[in-house]
Protein backbone atom coordinates (compact mmCIF):
# COMPACT_ATOMS: atom_id res chain seq x y z
CA MET A 1 -36.27 -5.48 -17.28
CA ALA A 2 -34.07 -6.40 -14.31
CA GLU A 3 -32.63 -9.90 -14.24
CA LEU A 4 -31.63 -12.08 -11.30
CA ARG A 5 -28.62 -14.35 -11.73
CA VAL A 6 -25.90 -16.06 -9.74
CA GLU A 7 -22.40 -14.92 -10.65
CA GLY A 8 -19.69 -16.77 -8.76
CA GLU A 9 -20.51 -16.42 -5.06
CA GLU A 10 -22.94 -13.53 -5.57
CA LEU A 11 -26.59 -13.04 -6.40
CA VAL A 12 -26.79 -10.19 -8.90
CA VAL A 13 -29.77 -8.01 -9.78
CA GLU A 14 -28.76 -6.65 -13.17
CA LEU A 15 -30.60 -3.43 -13.97
CA SER A 16 -31.19 -1.96 -17.41
CA PRO A 17 -29.71 1.51 -17.99
CA ILE A 18 -33.17 3.09 -17.54
CA GLU A 19 -33.75 1.15 -14.30
CA LYS A 20 -30.41 2.41 -12.98
CA LEU A 21 -31.64 5.96 -13.54
CA GLU A 22 -35.05 5.22 -12.02
CA ALA A 23 -33.55 3.55 -8.95
CA VAL A 24 -30.64 5.96 -8.59
CA HIS A 25 -28.66 2.76 -8.02
CA GLY A 26 -26.40 0.41 -9.93
CA ASP A 27 -26.67 -3.35 -10.14
CA VAL A 28 -27.28 -4.95 -6.74
CA ARG A 29 -24.87 -7.64 -5.57
CA VAL A 30 -25.27 -9.69 -2.40
CA PRO A 31 -23.46 -12.81 -1.22
CA ALA A 32 -25.33 -15.91 -2.40
CA SER A 33 -24.76 -17.28 1.11
CA ALA A 34 -27.02 -14.47 2.44
CA VAL A 35 -30.05 -15.85 0.54
CA VAL A 36 -32.42 -17.44 3.06
CA SER A 37 -35.27 -18.22 0.66
CA LEU A 38 -36.96 -17.32 -2.60
CA ASP A 39 -40.70 -16.71 -2.97
CA VAL A 40 -42.78 -16.70 -6.15
CA LEU A 41 -45.12 -13.71 -6.03
CA ASP A 42 -48.39 -13.33 -7.92
CA ASP A 43 -48.50 -9.63 -6.97
CA ALA A 44 -44.93 -8.29 -6.90
CA LEU A 45 -46.10 -4.68 -6.59
CA GLY A 46 -48.11 -5.59 -3.49
CA ALA A 47 -44.95 -6.99 -1.89
CA VAL A 48 -43.20 -3.59 -2.00
CA HIS A 49 -43.62 -1.69 1.25
CA GLY A 50 -42.04 0.87 3.50
CA MET A 51 -41.05 4.48 3.06
CA LYS A 52 -39.37 5.55 -0.12
CA ALA A 53 -35.69 6.16 0.49
CA VAL A 54 -34.44 6.45 -3.06
CA TYR A 55 -37.18 5.66 -5.49
CA ASN A 56 -38.85 6.39 -8.77
CA GLY A 57 -42.31 5.21 -9.50
CA VAL A 58 -46.01 5.69 -9.57
CA PRO A 59 -47.90 4.11 -6.64
CA GLY A 60 -49.90 1.12 -7.84
CA TYR A 61 -48.11 1.22 -11.20
CA MET A 62 -44.38 0.70 -10.68
CA ALA A 63 -41.79 0.71 -7.91
CA VAL A 64 -38.08 0.94 -8.60
CA GLY A 65 -35.58 1.74 -5.88
CA THR A 66 -34.81 1.41 -2.19
CA PHE A 67 -37.49 1.25 0.49
CA HIS A 68 -37.07 1.42 4.27
CA GLY A 69 -39.65 0.26 6.81
CA VAL A 70 -39.52 -2.76 9.06
CA ASN A 71 -37.20 -4.24 6.41
CA ARG A 72 -34.73 -2.69 4.00
CA GLN A 73 -36.00 -3.55 0.56
CA PHE A 74 -34.78 -3.06 -3.00
CA ALA A 75 -37.46 -3.40 -5.67
CA VAL A 76 -37.67 -3.37 -9.44
CA VAL A 77 -41.34 -3.90 -10.25
CA HIS A 78 -43.10 -2.74 -13.42
CA HIS A 79 -46.83 -2.59 -14.11
CA ASP A 80 -46.64 -4.86 -17.14
CA HIS A 81 -45.09 -7.72 -15.14
CA ARG A 82 -47.31 -8.28 -12.09
CA ARG A 83 -45.68 -11.57 -11.03
CA GLY A 84 -42.19 -11.76 -9.58
CA VAL A 85 -39.64 -13.14 -7.15
CA ARG A 86 -38.89 -12.08 -3.58
CA VAL A 87 -35.39 -12.86 -2.31
CA ASN A 88 -35.26 -13.04 1.50
CA LEU A 89 -31.80 -12.18 2.83
CA ASP A 90 -29.91 -12.37 6.11
CA GLY A 91 -26.66 -10.52 6.69
CA ALA A 92 -26.78 -8.40 3.52
CA HIS A 93 -27.34 -4.67 2.95
CA PHE A 94 -30.98 -5.38 2.07
CA ASP A 95 -33.42 -7.69 3.88
CA GLU A 96 -35.46 -8.31 0.73
CA ILE A 97 -35.19 -7.89 -3.00
CA VAL A 98 -38.36 -7.91 -5.13
CA VAL A 99 -38.07 -8.21 -8.91
CA SER A 100 -40.97 -8.55 -11.35
CA CYS A 101 -40.62 -11.06 -14.19
CA ASP A 102 -42.68 -13.05 -16.68
CA ASP A 103 -41.89 -16.53 -15.32
CA PRO A 104 -40.88 -16.42 -11.65
CA GLU A 105 -40.95 -20.22 -11.33
CA ARG A 106 -38.30 -20.50 -14.04
CA VAL A 107 -36.17 -17.77 -12.45
CA VAL A 108 -36.27 -19.50 -9.04
CA ALA A 109 -35.37 -22.87 -10.61
CA GLU A 110 -32.48 -21.38 -12.61
CA LEU A 111 -31.00 -19.59 -9.57
CA GLY A 112 -30.63 -22.91 -7.75
CA LEU A 113 -30.66 -21.18 -4.35
CA PRO A 114 -32.66 -22.10 -1.22
CA ARG A 115 -36.40 -22.08 -1.74
């Protein structure tokens, strides 16, 4: 499962080897200064939107990859982890990052970034 962490001056979305294959993408790194806010999501899959740019998934089941619509979004959401975190960005390659996780409140608290 993907993990969010702060490493130096960057927010990192660390992908598992399988997620890297699914997303056709490596780990995502954005400047921590680009983080505008973090949202706890009860339905992480419902927060993924837009047209599939590079993506692997089953609609309503999982979404892993890059999505383009009104916003540029990178998502790593699995069916067995419905809750998650949305990272709202300004001035980064992506406008949003959505990652599913077991305890989004803990993840947000540990990141120590704007909420």
